[in-house]
């Protein structure tokens, strides 16, 4: 299998099990798994390069999600922000949208039910 690259964000709650999985596979002599992790956007951002089908399948089975937009950007006035710029644009396009486009209808509805009116409108405007 060719190397696969992934960039994704996870919540504080999910980070330990993701990092444990990646660390367990980092020294596997039968595959290649390297990653970096940083705390950003209200959670952990992980950059992964691997050729391990097992790692990718395990990550997919976890149904990981990024931190909610209102947690990633707690000081943002969602009702007064019309465009995506800077770190919000980066987060939205590289971390949120890959999750959102692959989320089930139920997962999307759960997010929208938790969102304030301003955040719900912001999400619906930009997806």
C-alpha atoms as a PDB file:
ATOM      1  CA  UNK A   1       0.000   0.000   0.000  1.00  0.00           C
ATOM      2  CA  UNK A   2       1.228   3.479  -0.787  1.00  0.00           C
ATOM      3  CA  UNK A   3       1.674   5.997   1.990  1.00  0.00           C
ATOM      4  CA  UNK A   4      -1.425   7.901   3.012  1.00  0.00           C
ATOM      5  CA  UNK A   5      -1.368  11.342   4.553  1.00  0.00           C
ATOM      6  CA  UNK A   6      -4.049  12.606   6.872  1.00  0.00           C
ATOM      7  CA  UNK A   7      -4.528  15.860   8.681  1.00  0.00           C
ATOM      8  CA  UNK A   8      -7.285  15.828  11.272  1.00  0.00           C
ATOM      9  CA  UNK A   9      -8.353  17.320  14.577  1.00  0.00           C
ATOM     10  CA  UNK A  10      -9.688  15.466  17.590  1.00  0.00           C
ATOM     11  CA  UNK A  11     -11.222  16.504  20.874  1.00  0.00           C
ATOM     12  CA  UNK A  12      -9.314  16.471  24.158  1.00  0.00           C
ATOM     13  CA  UNK A  13     -11.366  13.407  25.140  1.00  0.00           C
ATOM     14  CA  UNK A  14     -10.394  11.430  22.008  1.00  0.00           C
ATOM     15  CA  UNK A  15      -6.731  12.449  21.877  1.00  0.00           C
ATOM     16  CA  UNK A  16      -5.343   9.833  24.320  1.00  0.00           C
ATOM     17  CA  UNK A  17      -6.780   6.832  22.467  1.00  0.00           C
ATOM     18  CA  UNK A  18      -5.698   8.208  19.074  1.00  0.00           C
ATOM     19  CA  UNK A  19      -2.177   8.958  20.280  1.00  0.00           C
ATOM     20  CA  UNK A  20      -1.944   5.532  21.952  1.00  0.00           C
ATOM     21  CA  UNK A  21      -2.942   3.857  18.678  1.00  0.00           C
ATOM     22  CA  UNK A  22      -0.402   5.841  16.662  1.00  0.00           C
ATOM     23  CA  UNK A  23       2.385   5.309  19.180  1.00  0.00           C
ATOM     24  CA  UNK A  24       1.717   1.564  19.209  1.00  0.00           C
ATOM     25  CA  UNK A  25       2.173   1.420  15.439  1.00  0.00           C
ATOM     26  CA  UNK A  26       5.078   3.865  15.142  1.00  0.00           C
ATOM     27  CA  UNK A  27       7.660   1.122  15.730  1.00  0.00           C
ATOM     28  CA  UNK A  28       5.956  -1.629  13.717  1.00  0.00           C
ATOM     29  CA  UNK A  29       8.653  -3.039  11.438  1.00  0.00           C
ATOM     30  CA  UNK A  30       6.036  -4.252   8.943  1.00  0.00           C
ATOM     31  CA  UNK A  31       4.591  -0.826   8.208  1.00  0.00           C
ATOM     32  CA  UNK A  32       5.413   2.861   8.249  1.00  0.00           C
ATOM     33  CA  UNK A  33       3.580   5.208  10.608  1.00  0.00           C
ATOM     34  CA  UNK A  34       4.821   8.673  11.546  1.00  0.00           C
ATOM     35  CA  UNK A  35       2.821  11.472  13.069  1.00  0.00           C
ATOM     36  CA  UNK A  36       3.024  14.825  14.762  1.00  0.00           C
ATOM     37  CA  UNK A  37       0.539  16.277  17.176  1.00  0.00           C
ATOM     38  CA  UNK A  38      -0.063  19.787  18.456  1.00  0.00           C
ATOM     39  CA  UNK A  39      -2.670  21.373  20.679  1.00  0.00           C
ATOM     40  CA  UNK A  40      -4.606  23.868  18.654  1.00  0.00           C
ATOM     41  CA  UNK A  41      -8.189  24.865  17.858  1.00  0.00           C
ATOM     42  CA  UNK A  42      -9.579  23.613  21.159  1.00  0.00           C
ATOM     43  CA  UNK A  43      -8.222  20.100  20.709  1.00  0.00           C
ATOM     44  CA  UNK A  44      -5.350  18.250  19.063  1.00  0.00           C
ATOM     45  CA  UNK A  45      -4.304  18.541  15.422  1.00  0.00           C
ATOM     46  CA  UNK A  46      -2.642  15.404  14.095  1.00  0.00           C
ATOM     47  CA  UNK A  47      -0.622  15.069  10.914  1.00  0.00           C
ATOM     48  CA  UNK A  48      -0.207  11.441   9.942  1.00  0.00           C
ATOM     49  CA  UNK A  49       1.733   9.558   7.285  1.00  0.00           C
ATOM     50  CA  UNK A  50       1.220   5.802   7.192  1.00  0.00           C
ATOM     51  CA  UNK A  51       1.079   2.816   4.899  1.00  0.00           C
ATOM     52  CA  UNK A  52      -0.751   0.766   7.522  1.00  0.00           C
ATOM     53  CA  UNK A  53      -4.251  -0.303   6.545  1.00  0.00           C
ATOM     54  CA  UNK A  54      -4.777  -1.388  10.168  1.00  0.00           C
ATOM     55  CA  UNK A  55      -4.070   2.126  11.465  1.00  0.00           C
ATOM     56  CA  UNK A  56      -6.384   3.746   8.929  1.00  0.00           C
ATOM     57  CA  UNK A  57      -9.170   1.254   9.625  1.00  0.00           C
ATOM     58  CA  UNK A  58      -8.804   1.717  13.386  1.00  0.00           C
ATOM     59  CA  UNK A  59      -8.997   5.498  13.026  1.00  0.00           C
ATOM     60  CA  UNK A  60     -12.071   5.226  10.804  1.00  0.00           C
ATOM     61  CA  UNK A  61     -13.744   2.879  13.299  1.00  0.00           C
ATOM     62  CA  UNK A  62     -13.267   5.461  16.080  1.00  0.00           C
ATOM     63  CA  UNK A  63     -15.661   7.903  14.323  1.00  0.00           C
ATOM     64  CA  UNK A  64     -13.471  10.799  15.420  1.00  0.00           C
ATOM     65  CA  UNK A  65     -14.700  14.360  15.332  1.00  0.00           C
ATOM     66  CA  UNK A  66     -13.000  17.698  15.630  1.00  0.00           C
ATOM     67  CA  UNK A  67     -13.823  20.091  18.454  1.00  0.00           C
ATOM     68  CA  UNK A  68     -16.984  22.077  17.804  1.00  0.00           C
ATOM     69  CA  UNK A  69     -16.453  25.379  15.980  1.00  0.00           C
ATOM     70  CA  UNK A  70     -17.523  27.343  19.063  1.00  0.00           C
ATOM     71  CA  UNK A  71     -14.833  25.524  21.081  1.00  0.00           C
ATOM     72  CA  UNK A  72     -12.176  25.907  18.402  1.00  0.00           C
ATOM     73  CA  UNK A  73     -12.941  29.638  18.200  1.00  0.00           C
ATOM     74  CA  UNK A  74     -14.469  30.615  21.555  1.00  0.00           C
ATOM     75  CA  UNK A  75     -13.959  34.350  21.000  1.00  0.00           C
ATOM     76  CA  UNK A  76     -15.432  34.444  17.502  1.00  0.00           C
ATOM     77  CA  UNK A  77     -18.720  36.269  17.014  1.00  0.00           C
ATOM     78  CA  UNK A  78     -20.347  33.794  14.632  1.00  0.00           C
ATOM     79  CA  UNK A  79     -23.237  36.162  13.998  1.00  0.00           C
ATOM     80  CA  UNK A  80     -20.906  38.965  12.951  1.00  0.00           C
ATOM     81  CA  UNK A  81     -18.437  36.954  10.885  1.00  0.00           C
ATOM     82  CA  UNK A  82     -19.376  36.624   7.255  1.00  0.00           C
ATOM     83  CA  UNK A  83     -16.269  35.237   5.623  1.00  0.00           C
ATOM     84  CA  UNK A  84     -13.578  32.685   6.287  1.00  0.00           C
ATOM     85  CA  UNK A  85     -10.134  34.200   6.709  1.00  0.00           C
ATOM     86  CA  UNK A  86      -6.851  33.339   8.399  1.00  0.00           C
ATOM     87  CA  UNK A  87      -6.868  30.542  10.959  1.00  0.00           C
ATOM     88  CA  UNK A  88     -10.649  30.164  10.673  1.00  0.00           C
ATOM     89  CA  UNK A  89     -10.311  29.517   6.928  1.00  0.00           C
ATOM     90  CA  UNK A  90      -7.521  26.989   7.527  1.00  0.00           C
ATOM     91  CA  UNK A  91      -9.456  25.179  10.254  1.00  0.00           C
ATOM     92  CA  UNK A  92     -12.702  25.191   8.287  1.00  0.00           C
ATOM     93  CA  UNK A  93     -11.274  23.864   5.028  1.00  0.00           C
ATOM     94  CA  UNK A  94      -8.632  21.450   6.299  1.00  0.00           C
ATOM     95  CA  UNK A  95     -10.103  20.155   9.577  1.00  0.00           C
ATOM     96  CA  UNK A  96     -13.853  20.810   9.742  1.00  0.00           C
ATOM     97  CA  UNK A  97     -15.071  20.222   6.166  1.00  0.00           C
ATOM     98  CA  UNK A  98     -13.408  16.810   5.724  1.00  0.00           C
ATOM     99  CA  UNK A  99     -15.224  15.732   8.881  1.00  0.00           C
ATOM    100  CA  UNK A 100     -18.524  17.393   7.955  1.00  0.00           C
ATOM    101  CA  UNK A 101     -18.668  15.978   4.431  1.00  0.00           C
ATOM    102  CA  UNK A 102     -18.144  12.447   5.807  1.00  0.00           C
ATOM    103  CA  UNK A 103     -20.445  12.816   8.826  1.00  0.00           C
ATOM    104  CA  UNK A 104     -23.729  10.976   8.797  1.00  0.00           C
ATOM    105  CA  UNK A 105     -26.981  12.907   8.695  1.00  0.00           C
ATOM    106  CA  UNK A 106     -27.533  12.072  12.386  1.00  0.00           C
ATOM    107  CA  UNK A 107     -24.057  13.339  13.310  1.00  0.00           C
ATOM    108  CA  UNK A 108     -24.705  16.597  11.469  1.00  0.00           C
ATOM    109  CA  UNK A 109     -28.076  17.029  13.153  1.00  0.00           C
ATOM    110  CA  UNK A 110     -26.470  16.415  16.567  1.00  0.00           C
ATOM    111  CA  UNK A 111     -23.945  19.184  15.899  1.00  0.00           C
ATOM    112  CA  UNK A 112     -26.601  21.614  14.755  1.00  0.00           C
ATOM    113  CA  UNK A 113     -28.745  20.828  17.813  1.00  0.00           C
ATOM    114  CA  UNK A 114     -25.830  21.809  20.081  1.00  0.00           C
ATOM    115  CA  UNK A 115     -25.007  24.997  18.195  1.00  0.00           C
ATOM    116  CA  UNK A 116     -26.276  28.432  19.098  1.00  0.00           C
ATOM    117  CA  UNK A 117     -28.502  30.101  16.523  1.00  0.00           C
ATOM    118  CA  UNK A 118     -25.535  32.173  15.286  1.00  0.00           C
ATOM    119  CA  UNK A 119     -23.261  29.130  14.952  1.00  0.00           C
ATOM    120  CA  UNK A 120     -25.983  27.076  13.271  1.00  0.00           C
ATOM    121  CA  UNK A 121     -26.501  29.857  10.714  1.00  0.00           C
ATOM    122  CA  UNK A 122     -22.728  30.201  10.227  1.00  0.00           C
ATOM    123  CA  UNK A 123     -22.324  26.457   9.629  1.00  0.00           C
ATOM    124  CA  UNK A 124     -25.239  26.308   7.214  1.00  0.00           C
ATOM    125  CA  UNK A 125     -23.923  29.342   5.338  1.00  0.00           C
ATOM    126  CA  UNK A 126     -20.455  27.869   4.789  1.00  0.00           C
ATOM    127  CA  UNK A 127     -21.089  24.173   4.118  1.00  0.00           C
END
